[in-house]
Each structure stands twice: as structure tokens, then as C-alpha cells.
Amino acid sequence: MKDKVVSPCISICKTDPVTGFCYGCARTNEEKKIWKDEDTQFEWKTRNLEIIITRMQGWQLETFKESYKNKIEEGISLFKKSQLKKNKL
């Protein structure tokens, strides 16, 4: 598990048409493809995580940090958790 980095996707998958960054995780579409590649190295993922965090600020950064922490600890983003609760009602 030491060489595994949890994907930064927090299930808010919409791309800003101006910047090309995802509103949820601030990755580009190309970065998303690289994350999915099983040969992508741990070092690349950790560096990319640092880079995407620098792209965020304000509410986006706070929301990302909270949801990503929840994903690491519980295996699910806060948005997805919320959607599952709604579907159960």
C-alpha cells in the first residue's frame, strides 16, 4: 500500500472550458488518462497530486481537501456518499 496513491477524483467530473481543468480535482483530461494507466509510477502520481492542489484555491481547495481525505479514510468521496444517501431515500 506504500506505493499506492488514491486517485484525486472526488466525483465532480466537469471540465472548465477555459482552463481545461476539472472542477472537482483540477486535473486535465490527459492527466486523468495517465492516472488510469497501470504503468504510471508512484512518483508521477504524488507529484501530480502536488501540482493539481496548486491549481486550486478558496472553496474548491477546501472542498477537495475534505472530500479527498474522506476518500482516503472511507474509500468514497463526500459527493458520491451524498448521492448514495439520496438514492436510498
PDB file of N, CA and C in Angstrom:
ATOM      1  N   MET A   1       0.830  -1.205   0.000  1.00  0.00           N
ATOM      2  CA  MET A   1       0.000   0.000   0.000  1.00  0.00           C
ATOM      3  C   MET A   1       0.865   1.255   0.000  1.00  0.00           C
ATOM      4  N   LYS A   2       2.109   1.108   0.397  1.00  0.00           N
ATOM      5  CA  LYS A   2       3.032   2.238   0.447  1.00  0.00           C
ATOM      6  C   LYS A   2       3.221   2.889  -0.918  1.00  0.00           C
ATOM      7  N   ASP A   3       3.188   2.070  -1.976  1.00  0.00           N
ATOM      8  CA  ASP A   3       3.402   2.587  -3.322  1.00  0.00           C
ATOM      9  C   ASP A   3       2.089   2.868  -4.052  1.00  0.00           C
ATOM     10  N   LYS A   4       1.031   3.125  -3.312  1.00  0.00           N
ATOM     11  CA  LYS A   4      -0.266   3.405  -3.931  1.00  0.00           C
ATOM     12  C   LYS A   4      -0.716   4.812  -3.542  1.00  0.00           C
ATOM     13  N   VAL A   5      -1.169   5.550  -4.533  1.00  0.00           N
ATOM     14  CA  VAL A   5      -1.714   6.882  -4.300  1.00  0.00           C
ATOM     15  C   VAL A   5      -3.176   6.840  -4.716  1.00  0.00           C
ATOM     16  N   VAL A   6      -4.075   7.242  -3.835  1.00  0.00           N
ATOM     17  CA  VAL A   6      -5.506   7.259  -4.131  1.00  0.00           C
ATOM     18  C   VAL A   6      -5.774   8.313  -5.202  1.00  0.00           C
ATOM     19  N   SER A   7      -6.574   7.944  -6.182  1.00  0.00           N
ATOM     20  CA  SER A   7      -6.939   8.878  -7.254  1.00  0.00           C
ATOM     21  C   SER A   7      -7.564  10.140  -6.665  1.00  0.00           C
ATOM     22  N   PRO A   8      -7.210  11.306  -7.200  1.00  0.00           N
ATOM     23  CA  PRO A   8      -7.775  12.553  -6.684  1.00  0.00           C
ATOM     24  C   PRO A   8      -9.202  12.825  -7.152  1.00  0.00           C
ATOM     25  N   CYS A   9      -9.779  11.937  -7.943  1.00  0.00           N
ATOM     26  CA  CYS A   9     -11.160  12.141  -8.402  1.00  0.00           C
ATOM     27  C   CYS A   9     -12.096  12.158  -7.200  1.00  0.00           C
ATOM     28  N   ILE A  10     -12.886  13.238  -7.086  1.00  0.00           N
ATOM     29  CA  ILE A  10     -13.864  13.324  -5.991  1.00  0.00           C
ATOM     30  C   ILE A  10     -15.289  13.304  -6.548  1.00  0.00           C
ATOM     31  N   SER A  11     -15.433  12.768  -7.759  1.00  0.00           N
ATOM     32  CA  SER A  11     -16.733  12.517  -8.395  1.00  0.00           C
ATOM     33  C   SER A  11     -17.482  13.776  -8.813  1.00  0.00           C
ATOM     34  N   ILE A  12     -16.773  14.862  -9.006  1.00  0.00           N
ATOM     35  CA  ILE A  12     -17.361  16.087  -9.550  1.00  0.00           C
ATOM     36  C   ILE A  12     -16.657  16.310 -10.889  1.00  0.00           C
ATOM     37  N   CYS A  13     -17.087  15.579 -11.879  1.00  0.00           N
ATOM     38  CA  CYS A  13     -16.345  15.464 -13.138  1.00  0.00           C
ATOM     39  C   CYS A  13     -16.917  16.377 -14.224  1.00  0.00           C
ATOM     40  N   LYS A  14     -16.555  17.618 -14.136  1.00  0.00           N
ATOM     41  CA  LYS A  14     -16.917  18.619 -15.149  1.00  0.00           C
ATOM     42  C   LYS A  14     -15.663  19.417 -15.448  1.00  0.00           C
ATOM     43  N   THR A  15     -15.377  19.614 -16.719  1.00  0.00           N
ATOM     44  CA  THR A  15     -14.168  20.322 -17.117  1.00  0.00           C
ATOM     45  C   THR A  15     -14.473  21.772 -17.452  1.00  0.00           C
ATOM     46  N   ASP A  16     -13.684  22.664 -16.884  1.00  0.00           N
ATOM     47  CA  ASP A  16     -13.806  24.091 -17.191  1.00  0.00           C
ATOM     48  C   ASP A  16     -13.373  24.303 -18.639  1.00  0.00           C
ATOM     49  N   PRO A  17     -14.223  24.897 -19.467  1.00  0.00           N
ATOM     50  CA  PRO A  17     -13.885  25.057 -20.884  1.00  0.00           C
ATOM     51  C   PRO A  17     -12.750  26.049 -21.134  1.00  0.00           C
ATOM     52  N   VAL A  18     -12.480  26.927 -20.187  1.00  0.00           N
ATOM     53  CA  VAL A  18     -11.420  27.921 -20.366  1.00  0.00           C
ATOM     54  C   VAL A  18     -10.059  27.350 -19.964  1.00  0.00           C
ATOM     55  N   THR A  19      -9.984  26.764 -18.774  1.00  0.00           N
ATOM     56  CA  THR A  19      -8.696  26.275 -18.275  1.00  0.00           C
ATOM     57  C   THR A  19      -8.395  24.839 -18.698  1.00  0.00           C
ATOM     58  N   GLY A  20      -9.436  24.063 -18.945  1.00  0.00           N
ATOM     59  CA  GLY A  20      -9.249  22.648 -19.255  1.00  0.00           C
ATOM     60  C   GLY A  20      -9.070  21.797 -18.012  1.00  0.00           C
ATOM     61  N   PHE A  21      -9.271  22.391 -16.821  1.00  0.00           N
ATOM     62  CA  PHE A  21      -9.132  21.672 -15.561  1.00  0.00           C
ATOM     63  C   PHE A  21     -10.501  21.220 -15.065  1.00  0.00           C
ATOM     64  N   CYS A  22     -10.521  20.040 -14.443  1.00  0.00           N
ATOM     65  CA  CYS A  22     -11.740  19.518 -13.839  1.00  0.00           C
ATOM     66  C   CYS A  22     -12.101  20.382 -12.633  1.00  0.00           C
ATOM     67  N   TYR A  23     -13.380  20.696 -12.484  1.00  0.00           N
ATOM     68  CA  TYR A  23     -13.820  21.494 -11.336  1.00  0.00           C
ATOM     69  C   TYR A  23     -13.600  20.759 -10.012  1.00  0.00           C
ATOM     70  N   GLY A  24     -13.688  19.437 -10.026  1.00  0.00           N
ATOM     71  CA  GLY A  24     -13.535  18.674  -8.795  1.00  0.00           C
ATOM     72  C   GLY A  24     -12.095  18.456  -8.375  1.00  0.00           C
ATOM     73  N   CYS A  25     -11.257  17.997  -9.326  1.00  0.00           N
ATOM     74  CA  CYS A  25      -9.892  17.600  -8.958  1.00  0.00           C
ATOM     75  C   CYS A  25      -8.797  18.440  -9.625  1.00  0.00           C
ATOM     76  N   ALA A  26      -9.163  19.333 -10.507  1.00  0.00           N
ATOM     77  CA  ALA A  26      -8.219  20.239 -11.183  1.00  0.00           C
ATOM     78  C   ALA A  26      -7.237  19.528 -12.110  1.00  0.00           C
ATOM     79  N   ARG A  27      -7.573  18.308 -12.528  1.00  0.00           N
ATOM     80  CA  ARG A  27      -6.716  17.613 -13.490  1.00  0.00           C
ATOM     81  C   ARG A  27      -7.188  17.900 -14.917  1.00  0.00           C
ATOM     82  N   THR A  28      -6.260  17.778 -15.853  1.00  0.00           N
ATOM     83  CA  THR A  28      -6.619  17.848 -17.260  1.00  0.00           C
ATOM     84  C   THR A  28      -7.097  16.463 -17.691  1.00  0.00           C
ATOM     85  N   ASN A  29      -7.725  16.381 -18.855  1.00  0.00           N
ATOM     86  CA  ASN A  29      -8.152  15.078 -19.363  1.00  0.00           C
ATOM     87  C   ASN A  29      -6.956  14.164 -19.582  1.00  0.00           C
ATOM     88  N   GLU A  30      -5.837  14.727 -20.033  1.00  0.00           N
ATOM     89  CA  GLU A  30      -4.625  13.933 -20.244  1.00  0.00           C
ATOM     90  C   GLU A  30      -4.102  13.377 -18.917  1.00  0.00           C
ATOM     91  N   GLU A  31      -4.111  14.191 -17.874  1.00  0.00           N
ATOM     92  CA  GLU A  31      -3.678  13.718 -16.560  1.00  0.00           C
ATOM     93  C   GLU A  31      -4.577  12.594 -16.052  1.00  0.00           C
ATOM     94  N   LYS A  32      -5.872  12.698 -16.314  1.00  0.00           N
ATOM     95  CA  LYS A  32      -6.801  11.638 -15.902  1.00  0.00           C
ATOM     96  C   LYS A  32      -6.442  10.326 -16.589  1.00  0.00           C
ATOM     97  N   LYS A  33      -6.103  10.388 -17.865  1.00  0.00           N
ATOM     98  CA  LYS A  33      -5.715   9.179 -18.608  1.00  0.00           C
ATOM     99  C   LYS A  33      -4.443   8.575 -18.024  1.00  0.00           C
ATOM    100  N   ILE A  34      -3.485   9.425 -17.690  1.00  0.00           N
ATOM    101  CA  ILE A  34      -2.220   8.935 -17.130  1.00  0.00           C
ATOM    102  C   ILE A  34      -2.466   8.249 -15.785  1.00  0.00           C
ATOM    103  N   TRP A  35      -3.351   8.807 -14.958  1.00  0.00           N
ATOM    104  CA  TRP A  35      -3.678   8.197 -13.663  1.00  0.00           C
ATOM    105  C   TRP A  35      -4.229   6.790 -13.850  1.00  0.00           C
ATOM    106  N   LYS A  36      -5.030   6.573 -14.890  1.00  0.00           N
ATOM    107  CA  LYS A  36      -5.657   5.268 -15.106  1.00  0.00           C
ATOM    108  C   LYS A  36      -4.690   4.225 -15.652  1.00  0.00           C
ATOM    109  N   ASP A  37      -3.589   4.657 -16.208  1.00  0.00           N
ATOM    110  CA  ASP A  37      -2.609   3.735 -16.776  1.00  0.00           C
ATOM    111  C   ASP A  37      -1.923   2.964 -15.642  1.00  0.00           C
ATOM    112  N   GLU A  38      -2.019   1.654 -15.694  1.00  0.00           N
ATOM    113  CA  GLU A  38      -1.443   0.833 -14.613  1.00  0.00           C
ATOM    114  C   GLU A  38       0.075   0.934 -14.515  1.00  0.00           C
ATOM    115  N   ASP A  39       0.729   1.433 -15.550  1.00  0.00           N
ATOM    116  CA  ASP A  39       2.186   1.580 -15.530  1.00  0.00           C
ATOM    117  C   ASP A  39       2.651   2.935 -14.985  1.00  0.00           C
ATOM    118  N   THR A  40       1.707   3.809 -14.655  1.00  0.00           N
ATOM    119  CA  THR A  40       2.076   5.123 -14.132  1.00  0.00           C
ATOM    120  C   THR A  40       2.733   4.964 -12.768  1.00  0.00           C
ATOM    121  N   GLN A  41       3.863   5.594 -12.627  1.00  0.00           N
ATOM    122  CA  GLN A  41       4.689   5.460 -11.427  1.00  0.00           C
ATOM    123  C   GLN A  41       4.137   6.245 -10.228  1.00  0.00           C
ATOM    124  N   PHE A  42       4.407   5.725  -9.040  1.00  0.00           N
ATOM    125  CA  PHE A  42       4.054   6.350  -7.770  1.00  0.00           C
ATOM    126  C   PHE A  42       4.562   7.790  -7.716  1.00  0.00           C
ATOM    127  N   GLU A  43       5.799   8.002  -8.149  1.00  0.00           N
ATOM    128  CA  GLU A  43       6.419   9.325  -8.109  1.00  0.00           C
ATOM    129  C   GLU A  43       5.652  10.330  -8.969  1.00  0.00           C
ATOM    130  N   TRP A  44       5.205   9.884 -10.153  1.00  0.00           N
ATOM    131  CA  TRP A  44       4.444  10.771 -11.030  1.00  0.00           C
ATOM    132  C   TRP A  44       3.128  11.163 -10.354  1.00  0.00           C
ATOM    133  N   LYS A  45       2.458  10.182  -9.766  1.00  0.00           N
ATOM    134  CA  LYS A  45       1.162  10.447  -9.124  1.00  0.00           C
ATOM    135  C   LYS A  45       1.311  11.402  -7.936  1.00  0.00           C
ATOM    136  N   THR A  46       2.317  11.190  -7.107  1.00  0.00           N
ATOM    137  CA  THR A  46       2.489  12.085  -5.963  1.00  0.00           C
ATOM    138  C   THR A  46       2.831  13.496  -6.422  1.00  0.00           C
ATOM    139  N   ARG A  47       3.648  13.616  -7.436  1.00  0.00           N
ATOM    140  CA  ARG A  47       3.993  14.946  -7.968  1.00  0.00           C
ATOM    141  C   ARG A  47       2.768  15.594  -8.602  1.00  0.00           C
ATOM    142  N   ASN A  48       1.990  14.823  -9.356  1.00  0.00           N
ATOM    143  CA  ASN A  48       0.798  15.376  -9.985  1.00  0.00           C
ATOM    144  C   ASN A  48      -0.207  15.838  -8.939  1.00  0.00           C
ATOM    145  N   LEU A  49      -0.330  15.089  -7.850  1.00  0.00           N
ATOM    146  CA  LEU A  49      -1.230  15.495  -6.766  1.00  0.00           C
ATOM    147  C   LEU A  49      -0.798  16.843  -6.197  1.00  0.00           C
ATOM    148  N   GLU A  50       0.495  17.035  -6.020  1.00  0.00           N
ATOM    149  CA  GLU A  50       1.006  18.332  -5.550  1.00  0.00           C
ATOM    150  C   GLU A  50       0.681  19.442  -6.550  1.00  0.00           C
ATOM    151  N   ILE A  51       0.828  19.152  -7.841  1.00  0.00           N
ATOM    152  CA  ILE A  51       0.566  20.147  -8.887  1.00  0.00           C
ATOM    153  C   ILE A  51      -0.902  20.546  -8.924  1.00  0.00           C
ATOM    154  N   ILE A  52      -1.793  19.558  -8.891  1.00  0.00           N
ATOM    155  CA  ILE A  52      -3.217  19.903  -9.007  1.00  0.00           C
ATOM    156  C   ILE A  52      -3.690  20.716  -7.809  1.00  0.00           C
ATOM    157  N   ILE A  53      -3.122  20.447  -6.632  1.00  0.00           N
ATOM    158  CA  ILE A  53      -3.510  21.220  -5.451  1.00  0.00           C
ATOM    159  C   ILE A  53      -3.112  22.691  -5.614  1.00  0.00           C
ATOM    160  N   THR A  54      -2.007  22.963  -6.297  1.00  0.00           N
ATOM    161  CA  THR A  54      -1.603  24.358  -6.510  1.00  0.00           C
ATOM    162  C   THR A  54      -2.537  25.082  -7.477  1.00  0.00           C
ATOM    163  N   ARG A  55      -3.295  24.334  -8.253  1.00  0.00           N
ATOM    164  CA  ARG A  55      -4.244  24.935  -9.202  1.00  0.00           C
ATOM    165  C   ARG A  55      -5.523  25.399  -8.514  1.00  0.00           C
ATOM    166  N   MET A  56      -5.751  24.940  -7.300  1.00  0.00           N
ATOM    167  CA  MET A  56      -6.998  25.232  -6.584  1.00  0.00           C
ATOM    168  C   MET A  56      -6.788  26.345  -5.570  1.00  0.00           C
ATOM    169  N   GLN A  57      -7.910  26.994  -5.244  1.00  0.00           N
ATOM    170  CA  GLN A  57      -7.897  27.980  -4.172  1.00  0.00           C
ATOM    171  C   GLN A  57      -9.306  28.130  -3.622  1.00  0.00           C
ATOM    172  N   GLY A  58      -9.414  28.780  -2.496  1.00  0.00           N
ATOM    173  CA  GLY A  58     -10.721  29.069  -1.900  1.00  0.00           C
ATOM    174  C   GLY A  58     -11.558  27.834  -1.655  1.00  0.00           C
ATOM    175  N   TRP A  59     -12.851  27.943  -1.970  1.00  0.00           N
ATOM    176  CA  TRP A  59     -13.801  26.865  -1.695  1.00  0.00           C
ATOM    177  C   TRP A  59     -13.441  25.581  -2.437  1.00  0.00           C
ATOM    178  N   GLN A  60     -12.888  25.701  -3.643  1.00  0.00           N
ATOM    179  CA  GLN A  60     -12.535  24.498  -4.402  1.00  0.00           C
ATOM    180  C   GLN A  60     -11.465  23.695  -3.656  1.00  0.00           C
ATOM    181  N   LEU A  61     -10.459  24.376  -3.168  1.00  0.00           N
ATOM    182  CA  LEU A  61      -9.379  23.714  -2.440  1.00  0.00           C
ATOM    183  C   LEU A  61      -9.898  23.089  -1.147  1.00  0.00           C
ATOM    184  N   GLU A  62     -10.705  23.830  -0.394  1.00  0.00           N
ATOM    185  CA  GLU A  62     -11.233  23.301   0.859  1.00  0.00           C
ATOM    186  C   GLU A  62     -12.132  22.089   0.621  1.00  0.00           C
ATOM    187  N   THR A  63     -12.992  22.173  -0.382  1.00  0.00           N
ATOM    188  CA  THR A  63     -13.878  21.062  -0.720  1.00  0.00           C
ATOM    189  C   THR A  63     -13.071  19.845  -1.145  1.00  0.00           C
ATOM    190  N   PHE A  64     -12.056  20.068  -1.981  1.00  0.00           N
ATOM    191  CA  PHE A  64     -11.213  18.968  -2.433  1.00  0.00           C
ATOM    192  C   PHE A  64     -10.518  18.295  -1.247  1.00  0.00           C
ATOM    193  N   LYS A  65      -9.894  19.081  -0.393  1.00  0.00           N
ATOM    194  CA  LYS A  65      -9.164  18.521   0.748  1.00  0.00           C
ATOM    195  C   LYS A  65     -10.078  17.671   1.632  1.00  0.00           C
ATOM    196  N   GLU A  66     -11.252  18.181   1.937  1.00  0.00           N
ATOM    197  CA  GLU A  66     -12.190  17.460   2.802  1.00  0.00           C
ATOM    198  C   GLU A  66     -12.671  16.167   2.135  1.00  0.00           C
ATOM    199  N   SER A  67     -13.035  16.259   0.862  1.00  0.00           N
ATOM    200  CA  SER A  67     -13.554  15.092   0.162  1.00  0.00           C
ATOM    201  C   SER A  67     -12.467  14.055  -0.109  1.00  0.00           C
ATOM    202  N   TYR A  68     -11.269  14.514  -0.453  1.00  0.00           N
ATOM    203  CA  TYR A  68     -10.160  13.591  -0.716  1.00  0.00           C
ATOM    204  C   TYR A  68      -9.752  12.871   0.564  1.00  0.00           C
ATOM    205  N   LYS A  69      -9.753  13.574   1.678  1.00  0.00           N
ATOM    206  CA  LYS A  69      -9.443  12.957   2.979  1.00  0.00           C
ATOM    207  C   LYS A  69     -10.464  11.864   3.281  1.00  0.00           C
ATOM    208  N   ASN A  70     -11.728  12.156   3.040  1.00  0.00           N
ATOM    209  CA  ASN A  70     -12.783  11.179   3.276  1.00  0.00           C
ATOM    210  C   ASN A  70     -12.603   9.966   2.353  1.00  0.00           C
ATOM    211  N   LYS A  71     -12.211  10.223   1.112  1.00  0.00           N
ATOM    212  CA  LYS A  71     -11.993   9.131   0.157  1.00  0.00           C
ATOM    213  C   LYS A  71     -10.853   8.234   0.626  1.00  0.00           C
ATOM    214  N   ILE A  72      -9.797   8.815   1.127  1.00  0.00           N
ATOM    215  CA  ILE A  72      -8.660   8.032   1.630  1.00  0.00           C
ATOM    216  C   ILE A  72      -9.075   7.214   2.852  1.00  0.00           C
ATOM    217  N   GLU A  73      -9.811   7.839   3.768  1.00  0.00           N
ATOM    218  CA  GLU A  73     -10.173   7.176   5.024  1.00  0.00           C
ATOM    219  C   GLU A  73     -11.320   6.183   4.886  1.00  0.00           C
ATOM    220  N   GLU A  74     -12.314   6.517   4.038  1.00  0.00           N
ATOM    221  CA  GLU A  74     -13.513   5.677   3.948  1.00  0.00           C
ATOM    222  C   GLU A  74     -13.705   5.017   2.584  1.00  0.00           C
ATOM    223  N   GLY A  75     -12.857   5.392   1.623  1.00  0.00           N
ATOM    224  CA  GLY A  75     -12.946   4.773   0.309  1.00  0.00           C
ATOM    225  C   GLY A  75     -13.986   5.383  -0.621  1.00  0.00           C
ATOM    226  N   ILE A  76     -14.553   6.532  -0.220  1.00  0.00           N
ATOM    227  CA  ILE A  76     -15.592   7.159  -1.041  1.00  0.00           C
ATOM    228  C   ILE A  76     -15.546   8.679  -0.852  1.00  0.00           C
ATOM    229  N   SER A  77     -15.731   9.406  -1.946  1.00  0.00           N
ATOM    230  CA  SER A  77     -15.750  10.873  -1.858  1.00  0.00           C
ATOM    231  C   SER A  77     -17.045  11.322  -1.188  1.00  0.00           C
ATOM    232  N   LEU A  78     -17.036  12.520  -0.641  1.00  0.00           N
ATOM    233  CA  LEU A  78     -18.238  13.044   0.026  1.00  0.00           C
ATOM    234  C   LEU A  78     -19.398  13.208  -0.949  1.00  0.00           C
ATOM    235  N   PHE A  79     -19.113  13.629  -2.185  1.00  0.00           N
ATOM    236  CA  PHE A  79     -20.166  13.796  -3.179  1.00  0.00           C
ATOM    237  C   PHE A  79     -20.828  12.456  -3.491  1.00  0.00           C
ATOM    238  N   LYS A  80     -20.025  11.438  -3.724  1.00  0.00           N
ATOM    239  CA  LYS A  80     -20.567  10.114  -4.029  1.00  0.00           C
ATOM    240  C   LYS A  80     -21.340   9.565  -2.830  1.00  0.00           C
ATOM    241  N   LYS A  81     -20.829   9.799  -1.626  1.00  0.00           N
ATOM    242  CA  LYS A  81     -21.511   9.373  -0.403  1.00  0.00           C
ATOM    243  C   LYS A  81     -22.885  10.033  -0.307  1.00  0.00           C
ATOM    244  N   SER A  82     -22.935  11.319  -0.628  1.00  0.00           N
ATOM    245  CA  SER A  82     -24.186  12.058  -0.625  1.00  0.00           C
ATOM    246  C   SER A  82     -25.167  11.511  -1.653  1.00  0.00           C
ATOM    247  N   GLN A  83     -24.662  11.173  -2.837  1.00  0.00           N
ATOM    248  CA  GLN A  83     -25.512  10.630  -3.893  1.00  0.00           C
ATOM    249  C   GLN A  83     -26.090   9.266  -3.485  1.00  0.00           C
ATOM    250  N   LEU A  84     -25.296   8.443  -2.838  1.00  0.00           N
ATOM    251  CA  LEU A  84     -25.775   7.135  -2.387  1.00  0.00           C
ATOM    252  C   LEU A  84     -26.876   7.283  -1.345  1.00  0.00           C
ATOM    253  N   LYS A  85     -26.715   8.261  -0.446  1.00  0.00           N
ATOM    254  CA  LYS A  85     -27.747   8.514   0.573  1.00  0.00           C
ATOM    255  C   LYS A  85     -29.059   8.918  -0.088  1.00  0.00           C
ATOM    256  N   LYS A  86     -28.975   9.808  -1.090  1.00  0.00           N
ATOM    257  CA  LYS A  86     -30.179  10.265  -1.803  1.00  0.00           C
ATOM    258  C   LYS A  86     -30.886   9.099  -2.490  1.00  0.00           C
ATOM    259  N   ASN A  87     -30.114   8.208  -3.071  1.00  0.00           N
ATOM    260  CA  ASN A  87     -30.695   7.073  -3.789  1.00  0.00           C
ATOM    261  C   ASN A  87     -31.365   6.084  -2.861  1.00  0.00           C
ATOM    262  N   LYS A  88     -30.948   6.045  -1.595  1.00  0.00           N
ATOM    263  CA  LYS A  88     -31.545   5.124  -0.612  1.00  0.00           C
ATOM    264  C   LYS A  88     -32.883   5.641  -0.103  1.00  0.00           C
ATOM    265  N   LEU A  89     -33.108   6.955  -0.217  1.00  0.00           N
ATOM    266  CA  LEU A  89     -34.348   7.535   0.324  1.00  0.00           C
ATOM    267  C   LEU A  89     -35.541   7.212  -0.503  1.00  0.00           C
TER     268      LEU A  89
END
